Amino acid sequence: MSDQILVSQSDGVCEVRLNRPEKRNAITLAMYDALSHALMQAEADESVQVILISGAGAGFTAGNDILDFLNSAALDPEHGAPRFLRLLPKLRKIVVAAIHGSTVGIGVTMLLHCDLVIAARSARLSMPFVRLGLVPEAASSLLLPRLVGHQRAAELLLLGSVMDADTACRLGLVNRVTEEGTQLDEARAMARAVAQLPAGALRATKELLRAESSSAEVRIEEELQAFAARLASEEFKAAAQAFLAKSRPG
């Protein structure tokens, strides 16, 4: 594991931290490989319920390391960046992000695959792909218009307009805005609270939130199937018994 990606684990939470502050956490191909490895390990570890992503230093990430990409081979299937991008929508664990300062390119588009995002007031989010002669990635051309509407997404993706933390929160990219220096503590507290919830119910709810149903009728059937499966689970029976025990008088 690269020392530019720090991984730690406690209380059901796997923390994955970008650690290249001298380069504003610009992500190299080696870092993409390390990120993918860390995420796949967290997915496979039954003791992990939540993955928490953050960045060291003055900002979350400046995006891709452009020089590293210029010197790399073509984007074949084994290239580190595509492998990481293809992994994001497959994550079944709950993903929390804590962002601050410069949050650029992939630093923003990966948030569309996170379930909960905490931003420091200093966070400045931008996606300058077109300015660099590129196009958006991480399914942002699909997910961002769904979240914020076509016109707002077009402004953000075509012009690379910078959002402050409050704007990102208002648009729905961010759950909460905190004072500077507290974003990671708040994200950790949220991650640990989520990690205490029933694991099967967490995964099933995330699948429903991310499902691409064509109508309310289809979604109701999908929910009923998931609900029936949860009713038959040992996890539900244990949680229900604990709830009933707390509810009894005396």
C-alpha atoms as a PDB file:
ATOM      1  CA  MET A   1       0.000   0.000   0.000  1.00  0.00           C
ATOM      2  CA  SER A   2       1.384   3.406  -0.992  1.00  0.00           C
ATOM      3  CA  ASP A   3       2.183   5.823   1.857  1.00  0.00           C
ATOM      4  CA  GLN A   4       0.272   8.374  -0.233  1.00  0.00           C
ATOM      5  CA  ILE A   5      -2.911   6.468   0.657  1.00  0.00           C
ATOM      6  CA  LEU A   6      -3.305   5.903   4.392  1.00  0.00           C
ATOM      7  CA  VAL A   7      -5.719   3.227   5.591  1.00  0.00           C
ATOM      8  CA  SER A   8      -6.900   2.622   9.160  1.00  0.00           C
ATOM      9  CA  GLN A   9      -9.810   0.798  10.701  1.00  0.00           C
ATOM     10  CA  SER A  10     -11.810   0.965  13.939  1.00  0.00           C
ATOM     11  CA  ASP A  11     -15.413   0.700  15.149  1.00  0.00           C
ATOM     12  CA  GLY A  12     -16.622  -0.745  11.852  1.00  0.00           C
ATOM     13  CA  VAL A  13     -15.200   2.171   9.841  1.00  0.00           C
ATOM     14  CA  CYS A  14     -12.359   1.921   7.313  1.00  0.00           C
ATOM     15  CA  GLU A  15     -10.706   5.308   6.800  1.00  0.00           C
ATOM     16  CA  VAL A  16      -8.986   5.914   3.463  1.00  0.00           C
ATOM     17  CA  ARG A  17      -6.979   9.144   3.408  1.00  0.00           C
ATOM     18  CA  LEU A  18      -5.273  10.853   0.473  1.00  0.00           C
ATOM     19  CA  ASN A  19      -1.811  11.732   1.764  1.00  0.00           C
ATOM     20  CA  ARG A  20       0.122  13.760  -0.778  1.00  0.00           C
ATOM     21  CA  PRO A  21      -0.325  17.231   0.715  1.00  0.00           C
ATOM     22  CA  GLU A  22       2.791  18.688  -0.925  1.00  0.00           C
ATOM     23  CA  LYS A  23       1.020  18.181  -4.289  1.00  0.00           C
ATOM     24  CA  ARG A  24      -2.449  19.104  -2.977  1.00  0.00           C
ATOM     25  CA  ASN A  25      -3.312  15.390  -3.031  1.00  0.00           C
ATOM     26  CA  ALA A  26      -3.206  15.273  -6.843  1.00  0.00           C
ATOM     27  CA  ILE A  27      -3.912  11.624  -7.630  1.00  0.00           C
ATOM     28  CA  THR A  28      -1.320   9.589  -9.514  1.00  0.00           C
ATOM     29  CA  LEU A  29      -1.840   6.212 -11.188  1.00  0.00           C
ATOM     30  CA  ALA A  30      -0.082   4.532  -8.267  1.00  0.00           C
ATOM     31  CA  MET A  31      -2.495   6.264  -5.887  1.00  0.00           C
ATOM     32  CA  TYR A  32      -5.458   5.043  -7.967  1.00  0.00           C
ATOM     33  CA  ASP A  33      -4.121   1.490  -7.654  1.00  0.00           C
ATOM     34  CA  ALA A  34      -3.758   1.907  -3.892  1.00  0.00           C
ATOM     35  CA  LEU A  35      -7.245   3.429  -3.607  1.00  0.00           C
ATOM     36  CA  SER A  36      -8.800   0.549  -5.526  1.00  0.00           C
ATOM     37  CA  HIS A  37      -6.956  -1.977  -3.374  1.00  0.00           C
ATOM     38  CA  ALA A  38      -8.088  -0.281  -0.151  1.00  0.00           C
ATOM     39  CA  LEU A  39     -11.724  -0.082  -1.276  1.00  0.00           C
ATOM     40  CA  MET A  40     -11.815  -3.717  -2.406  1.00  0.00           C
ATOM     41  CA  GLN A  41     -10.323  -4.844   0.898  1.00  0.00           C
ATOM     42  CA  ALA A  42     -12.903  -2.819   2.823  1.00  0.00           C
ATOM     43  CA  GLU A  43     -15.700  -4.296   0.701  1.00  0.00           C
ATOM     44  CA  ALA A  44     -14.494  -7.820   1.444  1.00  0.00           C
ATOM     45  CA  ASP A  45     -14.052  -7.257   5.197  1.00  0.00           C
ATOM     46  CA  GLU A  46     -17.242  -8.221   7.051  1.00  0.00           C
ATOM     47  CA  SER A  47     -16.181  -6.140  10.063  1.00  0.00           C
ATOM     48  CA  VAL A  48     -16.284  -2.948   7.936  1.00  0.00           C
ATOM     49  CA  GLN A  49     -19.675  -1.275   7.503  1.00  0.00           C
ATOM     50  CA  VAL A  50     -18.577   2.208   6.395  1.00  0.00           C
ATOM     51  CA  ILE A  51     -15.764   3.582   4.232  1.00  0.00           C
ATOM     52  CA  LEU A  52     -14.655   7.131   5.093  1.00  0.00           C
ATOM     53  CA  ILE A  53     -12.615   9.047   2.491  1.00  0.00           C
ATOM     54  CA  SER A  54     -10.698  12.232   3.340  1.00  0.00           C
ATOM     55  CA  GLY A  55      -7.586  14.179   2.370  1.00  0.00           C
ATOM     56  CA  ALA A  56      -4.548  15.412   4.301  1.00  0.00           C
ATOM     57  CA  GLY A  57      -3.180  18.945   4.189  1.00  0.00           C
ATOM     58  CA  ALA A  58      -4.803  22.108   2.857  1.00  0.00           C
ATOM     59  CA  GLY A  59      -7.413  20.474   0.619  1.00  0.00           C
ATOM     60  CA  PHE A  60      -9.218  17.268  -0.291  1.00  0.00           C
ATOM     61  CA  THR A  61      -7.651  16.804  -3.730  1.00  0.00           C
ATOM     62  CA  ALA A  62      -6.546  18.877  -6.725  1.00  0.00           C
ATOM     63  CA  GLY A  63      -7.825  16.080  -8.982  1.00  0.00           C
ATOM     64  CA  ASN A  64      -5.678  14.018 -11.311  1.00  0.00           C
ATOM     65  CA  ASP A  65      -1.933  14.495 -11.484  1.00  0.00           C
ATOM     66  CA  ILE A  66      -1.850  15.797 -15.078  1.00  0.00           C
ATOM     67  CA  LEU A  67       1.869  15.153 -15.596  1.00  0.00           C
ATOM     68  CA  ASP A  68       1.489  11.563 -14.435  1.00  0.00           C
ATOM     69  CA  PHE A  69      -1.369  11.056 -16.900  1.00  0.00           C
ATOM     70  CA  LEU A  70       0.617  12.624 -19.763  1.00  0.00           C
ATOM     71  CA  ASN A  71       3.440  10.178 -19.126  1.00  0.00           C
ATOM     72  CA  SER A  72       1.203   7.133 -18.745  1.00  0.00           C
ATOM     73  CA  ALA A  73       0.045   4.556 -21.263  1.00  0.00           C
ATOM     74  CA  ALA A  74      -3.374   4.668 -22.904  1.00  0.00           C
ATOM     75  CA  LEU A  75      -6.488   4.023 -20.825  1.00  0.00           C
ATOM     76  CA  ASP A  76      -6.597   0.242 -21.178  1.00  0.00           C
ATOM     77  CA  PRO A  77      -8.757  -1.884 -18.812  1.00  0.00           C
ATOM     78  CA  GLU A  78      -5.857  -2.335 -16.373  1.00  0.00           C
ATOM     79  CA  HIS A  79      -5.093   1.388 -16.130  1.00  0.00           C
ATOM     80  CA  GLY A  80      -5.418   2.502 -12.506  1.00  0.00           C
ATOM     81  CA  ALA A  81      -7.917   5.325 -13.056  1.00  0.00           C
ATOM     82  CA  PRO A  82     -10.542   3.358 -15.055  1.00  0.00           C
ATOM     83  CA  ARG A  83     -10.319   0.505 -12.564  1.00  0.00           C
ATOM     84  CA  PHE A  84     -11.056   2.918  -9.715  1.00  0.00           C
ATOM     85  CA  LEU A  85     -13.918   4.585 -11.616  1.00  0.00           C
ATOM     86  CA  ARG A  86     -15.525   1.240 -12.443  1.00  0.00           C
ATOM     87  CA  LEU A  87     -15.310   0.249  -8.797  1.00  0.00           C
ATOM     88  CA  LEU A  88     -17.167   3.300  -7.419  1.00  0.00           C
ATOM     89  CA  PRO A  89     -20.744   2.331  -8.430  1.00  0.00           C
ATOM     90  CA  LYS A  90     -20.171  -1.256  -7.272  1.00  0.00           C
ATOM     91  CA  LEU A  91     -19.422  -0.355  -3.646  1.00  0.00           C
ATOM     92  CA  ARG A  92     -22.033  -1.925  -1.367  1.00  0.00           C
ATOM     93  CA  LYS A  93     -20.686  -0.489   1.887  1.00  0.00           C
ATOM     94  CA  ILE A  94     -21.826   2.972   2.966  1.00  0.00           C
ATOM     95  CA  VAL A  95     -19.338   5.599   1.752  1.00  0.00           C
ATOM     96  CA  VAL A  96     -18.802   8.856   3.664  1.00  0.00           C
ATOM     97  CA  ALA A  97     -16.544  11.688   2.484  1.00  0.00           C
ATOM     98  CA  ALA A  98     -15.016  14.576   4.433  1.00  0.00           C
ATOM     99  CA  ILE A  99     -13.863  17.373   2.124  1.00  0.00           C
ATOM    100  CA  HIS A 100     -12.149  20.727   2.614  1.00  0.00           C
ATOM    101  CA  GLY A 101     -10.248  23.307   0.625  1.00  0.00           C
ATOM    102  CA  SER A 102      -9.452  22.534  -3.012  1.00  0.00           C
ATOM    103  CA  THR A 103     -11.778  19.776  -4.287  1.00  0.00           C
ATOM    104  CA  VAL A 104     -11.282  19.391  -8.027  1.00  0.00           C
ATOM    105  CA  GLY A 105     -12.251  16.985 -10.813  1.00  0.00           C
ATOM    106  CA  ILE A 106     -12.414  13.434  -9.503  1.00  0.00           C
ATOM    107  CA  GLY A 107     -12.571  14.968  -6.028  1.00  0.00           C
ATOM    108  CA  VAL A 108     -16.049  16.202  -6.949  1.00  0.00           C
ATOM    109  CA  THR A 109     -17.264  13.442  -9.254  1.00  0.00           C
ATOM    110  CA  MET A 110     -16.499  10.705  -6.713  1.00  0.00           C
ATOM    111  CA  LEU A 111     -18.862  12.484  -4.292  1.00  0.00           C
ATOM    112  CA  LEU A 112     -21.732  11.480  -6.588  1.00  0.00           C
ATOM    113  CA  HIS A 113     -21.009   7.877  -5.530  1.00  0.00           C
ATOM    114  CA  CYS A 114     -20.790   8.694  -1.823  1.00  0.00           C
ATOM    115  CA  ASP A 115     -23.785   8.291   0.459  1.00  0.00           C
ATOM    116  CA  LEU A 116     -22.942  11.068   2.919  1.00  0.00           C
ATOM    117  CA  VAL A 117     -20.646  14.078   2.475  1.00  0.00           C
ATOM    118  CA  ILE A 118     -19.411  16.520   5.119  1.00  0.00           C
ATOM    119  CA  ALA A 119     -17.727  19.712   3.857  1.00  0.00           C
ATOM    120  CA  ALA A 120     -15.673  22.291   5.689  1.00  0.00           C
ATOM    121  CA  ARG A 121     -16.653  25.863   4.945  1.00  0.00           C
ATOM    122  CA  SER A 122     -13.356  26.251   3.057  1.00  0.00           C
ATOM    123  CA  ALA A 123     -14.293  23.645   0.438  1.00  0.00           C
ATOM    124  CA  ARG A 124     -14.174  24.885  -3.158  1.00  0.00           C
ATOM    125  CA  LEU A 125     -15.517  22.387  -5.667  1.00  0.00           C
ATOM    126  CA  SER A 126     -14.881  22.502  -9.419  1.00  0.00           C
ATOM    127  CA  MET A 127     -14.824  20.189 -12.442  1.00  0.00           C
ATOM    128  CA  PRO A 128     -12.603  21.871 -15.079  1.00  0.00           C
ATOM    129  CA  PHE A 129     -12.590  18.949 -17.514  1.00  0.00           C
ATOM    130  CA  VAL A 130     -13.592  20.904 -20.634  1.00  0.00           C
ATOM    131  CA  ARG A 131     -11.030  23.627 -19.904  1.00  0.00           C
ATOM    132  CA  LEU A 132      -8.379  20.896 -19.979  1.00  0.00           C
ATOM    133  CA  GLY A 133      -9.689  19.535 -23.282  1.00  0.00           C
ATOM    134  CA  LEU A 134     -11.288  16.556 -21.544  1.00  0.00           C
ATOM    135  CA  VAL A 135     -14.801  15.318 -20.750  1.00  0.00           C
ATOM    136  CA  PRO A 136     -16.382  14.513 -17.369  1.00  0.00           C
ATOM    137  CA  GLU A 137     -15.867  11.068 -15.802  1.00  0.00           C
ATOM    138  CA  ALA A 138     -17.260   8.835 -13.034  1.00  0.00           C
ATOM    139  CA  ALA A 139     -20.726   8.959 -14.667  1.00  0.00           C
ATOM    140  CA  SER A 140     -20.976  12.632 -13.660  1.00  0.00           C
ATOM    141  CA  SER A 141     -22.574  13.505 -17.010  1.00  0.00           C
ATOM    142  CA  LEU A 142     -25.437  11.201 -15.966  1.00  0.00           C
ATOM    143  CA  LEU A 143     -25.569  11.607 -12.182  1.00  0.00           C
ATOM    144  CA  LEU A 144     -25.020  15.358 -11.860  1.00  0.00           C
ATOM    145  CA  PRO A 145     -27.978  16.410 -14.083  1.00  0.00           C
ATOM    146  CA  ARG A 146     -30.187  14.003 -12.136  1.00  0.00           C
ATOM    147  CA  LEU A 147     -29.119  15.660  -8.916  1.00  0.00           C
ATOM    148  CA  VAL A 148     -29.067  19.354  -9.818  1.00  0.00           C
ATOM    149  CA  GLY A 149     -30.898  19.629 -13.157  1.00  0.00           C
ATOM    150  CA  HIS A 150     -29.564  19.966 -16.701  1.00  0.00           C
ATOM    151  CA  GLN A 151     -28.828  23.707 -16.732  1.00  0.00           C
ATOM    152  CA  ARG A 152     -26.941  23.759 -13.431  1.00  0.00           C
ATOM    153  CA  ALA A 153     -25.006  20.632 -14.422  1.00  0.00           C
ATOM    154  CA  ALA A 154     -24.148  22.198 -17.799  1.00  0.00           C
ATOM    155  CA  GLU A 155     -22.764  25.311 -16.096  1.00  0.00           C
ATOM    156  CA  LEU A 156     -20.676  23.263 -13.688  1.00  0.00           C
ATOM    157  CA  LEU A 157     -19.364  20.820 -16.296  1.00  0.00           C
ATOM    158  CA  LEU A 158     -18.962  23.124 -19.310  1.00  0.00           C
ATOM    159  CA  LEU A 159     -17.580  26.189 -17.553  1.00  0.00           C
ATOM    160  CA  GLY A 160     -15.912  24.436 -14.639  1.00  0.00           C
ATOM    161  CA  SER A 161     -17.586  26.927 -12.317  1.00  0.00           C
ATOM    162  CA  VAL A 162     -16.393  26.886  -8.715  1.00  0.00           C
ATOM    163  CA  MET A 163     -18.895  26.084  -5.974  1.00  0.00           C
ATOM    164  CA  ASP A 164     -18.391  27.066  -2.377  1.00  0.00           C
ATOM    165  CA  ALA A 165     -19.467  24.662   0.360  1.00  0.00           C
ATOM    166  CA  ASP A 166     -22.826  26.336   0.968  1.00  0.00           C
ATOM    167  CA  THR A 167     -23.708  26.185  -2.728  1.00  0.00           C
ATOM    168  CA  ALA A 168     -22.716  22.513  -2.899  1.00  0.00           C
ATOM    169  CA  CYS A 169     -24.926  21.850   0.109  1.00  0.00           C
ATOM    170  CA  ARG A 170     -27.855  23.731  -1.413  1.00  0.00           C
ATOM    171  CA  LEU A 171     -27.506  21.742  -4.650  1.00  0.00           C
ATOM    172  CA  GLY A 172     -27.435  18.441  -2.776  1.00  0.00           C
ATOM    173  CA  LEU A 173     -23.800  17.414  -3.333  1.00  0.00           C
ATOM    174  CA  VAL A 174     -23.064  17.887   0.364  1.00  0.00           C
ATOM    175  CA  ASN A 175     -25.073  16.921   3.456  1.00  0.00           C
ATOM    176  CA  ARG A 176     -23.579  19.329   5.985  1.00  0.00           C
ATOM    177  CA  VAL A 177     -21.180  22.264   6.117  1.00  0.00           C
ATOM    178  CA  THR A 178     -18.966  22.543   9.190  1.00  0.00           C
ATOM    179  CA  GLU A 179     -16.440  25.016  10.493  1.00  0.00           C
ATOM    180  CA  GLU A 180     -12.893  24.555   9.271  1.00  0.00           C
ATOM    181  CA  GLY A 181     -10.995  21.743  10.971  1.00  0.00           C
ATOM    182  CA  THR A 182     -14.100  19.969  12.278  1.00  0.00           C
ATOM    183  CA  GLN A 183     -15.214  18.225   9.074  1.00  0.00           C
ATOM    184  CA  LEU A 184     -13.274  15.020   9.690  1.00  0.00           C
ATOM    185  CA  ASP A 185     -14.420  14.699  13.310  1.00  0.00           C
ATOM    186  CA  GLU A 186     -18.031  15.159  12.234  1.00  0.00           C
ATOM    187  CA  ALA A 187     -17.651  12.686   9.382  1.00  0.00           C
ATOM    188  CA  ARG A 188     -16.078  10.153  11.761  1.00  0.00           C
ATOM    189  CA  ALA A 189     -18.939  10.561  14.235  1.00  0.00           C
ATOM    190  CA  MET A 190     -21.472  10.082  11.442  1.00  0.00           C
ATOM    191  CA  ALA A 191     -19.600   7.064  10.054  1.00  0.00           C
ATOM    192  CA  ARG A 192     -19.431   5.393  13.457  1.00  0.00           C
ATOM    193  CA  ALA A 193     -23.140   5.999  14.047  1.00  0.00           C
ATOM    194  CA  VAL A 194     -23.961   4.430  10.682  1.00  0.00           C
ATOM    195  CA  ALA A 195     -21.614   1.511  11.379  1.00  0.00           C
ATOM    196  CA  GLN A 196     -23.676   0.598  14.462  1.00  0.00           C
ATOM    197  CA  LEU A 197     -26.796   0.028  12.355  1.00  0.00           C
ATOM    198  CA  PRO A 198     -27.790  -3.439  11.073  1.00  0.00           C
ATOM    199  CA  ALA A 199     -25.397  -4.281   8.238  1.00  0.00           C
ATOM    200  CA  GLY A 200     -27.847  -6.125   6.003  1.00  0.00           C
ATOM    201  CA  ALA A 201     -30.435  -3.371   6.259  1.00  0.00           C
ATOM    202  CA  LEU A 202     -27.785  -0.766   5.402  1.00  0.00           C
ATOM    203  CA  ARG A 203     -26.736  -2.601   2.245  1.00  0.00           C
ATOM    204  CA  ALA A 204     -30.315  -3.291   1.151  1.00  0.00           C
ATOM    205  CA  THR A 205     -31.308   0.364   1.660  1.00  0.00           C
ATOM    206  CA  LYS A 206     -28.279   1.581  -0.307  1.00  0.00           C
ATOM    207  CA  GLU A 207     -29.198  -0.766  -3.159  1.00  0.00           C
ATOM    208  CA  LEU A 208     -32.716   0.661  -3.221  1.00  0.00           C
ATOM    209  CA  LEU A 209     -31.442   4.246  -3.149  1.00  0.00           C
ATOM    210  CA  ARG A 210     -29.138   3.522  -6.079  1.00  0.00           C
ATOM    211  CA  ALA A 211     -31.544   1.359  -8.111  1.00  0.00           C
ATOM    212  CA  GLU A 212     -32.743   2.614 -11.485  1.00  0.00           C
ATOM    213  CA  SER A 213     -36.471   1.894 -11.277  1.00  0.00           C
ATOM    214  CA  SER A 214     -38.618   3.112 -14.155  1.00  0.00           C
ATOM    215  CA  SER A 215     -41.638   3.991 -12.020  1.00  0.00           C
ATOM    216  CA  ALA A 216     -43.036   4.171  -8.482  1.00  0.00           C
ATOM    217  CA  GLU A 217     -44.877   0.901  -9.109  1.00  0.00           C
ATOM    218  CA  VAL A 218     -41.640  -0.908  -9.978  1.00  0.00           C
ATOM    219  CA  ARG A 219     -39.870   0.590  -6.967  1.00  0.00           C
ATOM    220  CA  ILE A 220     -42.683  -0.531  -4.622  1.00  0.00           C
ATOM    221  CA  GLU A 221     -42.215  -4.122  -5.826  1.00  0.00           C
ATOM    222  CA  GLU A 222     -38.444  -3.881  -5.374  1.00  0.00           C
ATOM    223  CA  GLU A 223     -38.919  -2.523  -1.852  1.00  0.00           C
ATOM    224  CA  LEU A 224     -41.421  -5.259  -0.994  1.00  0.00           C
ATOM    225  CA  GLN A 225     -38.969  -7.946  -2.096  1.00  0.00           C
ATOM    226  CA  ALA A 226     -36.190  -6.402  -0.034  1.00  0.00           C
ATOM    227  CA  PHE A 227     -38.544  -5.896   2.945  1.00  0.00           C
ATOM    228  CA  ALA A 228     -39.642  -9.527   2.865  1.00  0.00           C
ATOM    229  CA  ALA A 229     -36.027 -10.671   2.788  1.00  0.00           C
ATOM    230  CA  ARG A 230     -35.202  -8.445   5.757  1.00  0.00           C
ATOM    231  CA  LEU A 231     -38.225  -9.743   7.732  1.00  0.00           C
ATOM    232  CA  ALA A 232     -36.852 -13.271   7.404  1.00  0.00           C
ATOM    233  CA  SER A 233     -33.336 -12.284   8.484  1.00  0.00           C
ATOM    234  CA  GLU A 234     -31.784 -13.044  11.846  1.00  0.00           C
ATOM    235  CA  GLU A 235     -30.619  -9.441  11.939  1.00  0.00           C
ATOM    236  CA  PHE A 236     -34.201  -8.157  11.950  1.00  0.00           C
ATOM    237  CA  LYS A 237     -35.316 -10.683  14.579  1.00  0.00           C
ATOM    238  CA  ALA A 238     -32.503  -9.659  16.931  1.00  0.00           C
ATOM    239  CA  ALA A 239     -33.172  -5.944  16.402  1.00  0.00           C
ATOM    240  CA  ALA A 240     -36.910  -6.405  16.914  1.00  0.00           C
ATOM    241  CA  GLN A 241     -36.405  -8.368  20.131  1.00  0.00           C
ATOM    242  CA  ALA A 242     -34.034  -5.685  21.438  1.00  0.00           C
ATOM    243  CA  PHE A 243     -36.560  -2.975  20.549  1.00  0.00           C
ATOM    244  CA  LEU A 244     -39.410  -4.810  22.266  1.00  0.00           C
ATOM    245  CA  ALA A 245     -37.309  -5.424  25.365  1.00  0.00           C
ATOM    246  CA  LYS A 246     -36.588  -1.696  25.669  1.00  0.00           C
ATOM    247  CA  SER A 247     -40.271  -0.882  25.144  1.00  0.00           C
ATOM    248  CA  ARG A 248     -41.570  -3.059  27.981  1.00  0.00           C
ATOM    249  CA  PRO A 249     -42.592  -1.065  31.070  1.00  0.00           C
ATOM    250  CA  GLY A 250     -40.426  -1.516  34.150  1.00  0.00           C
END
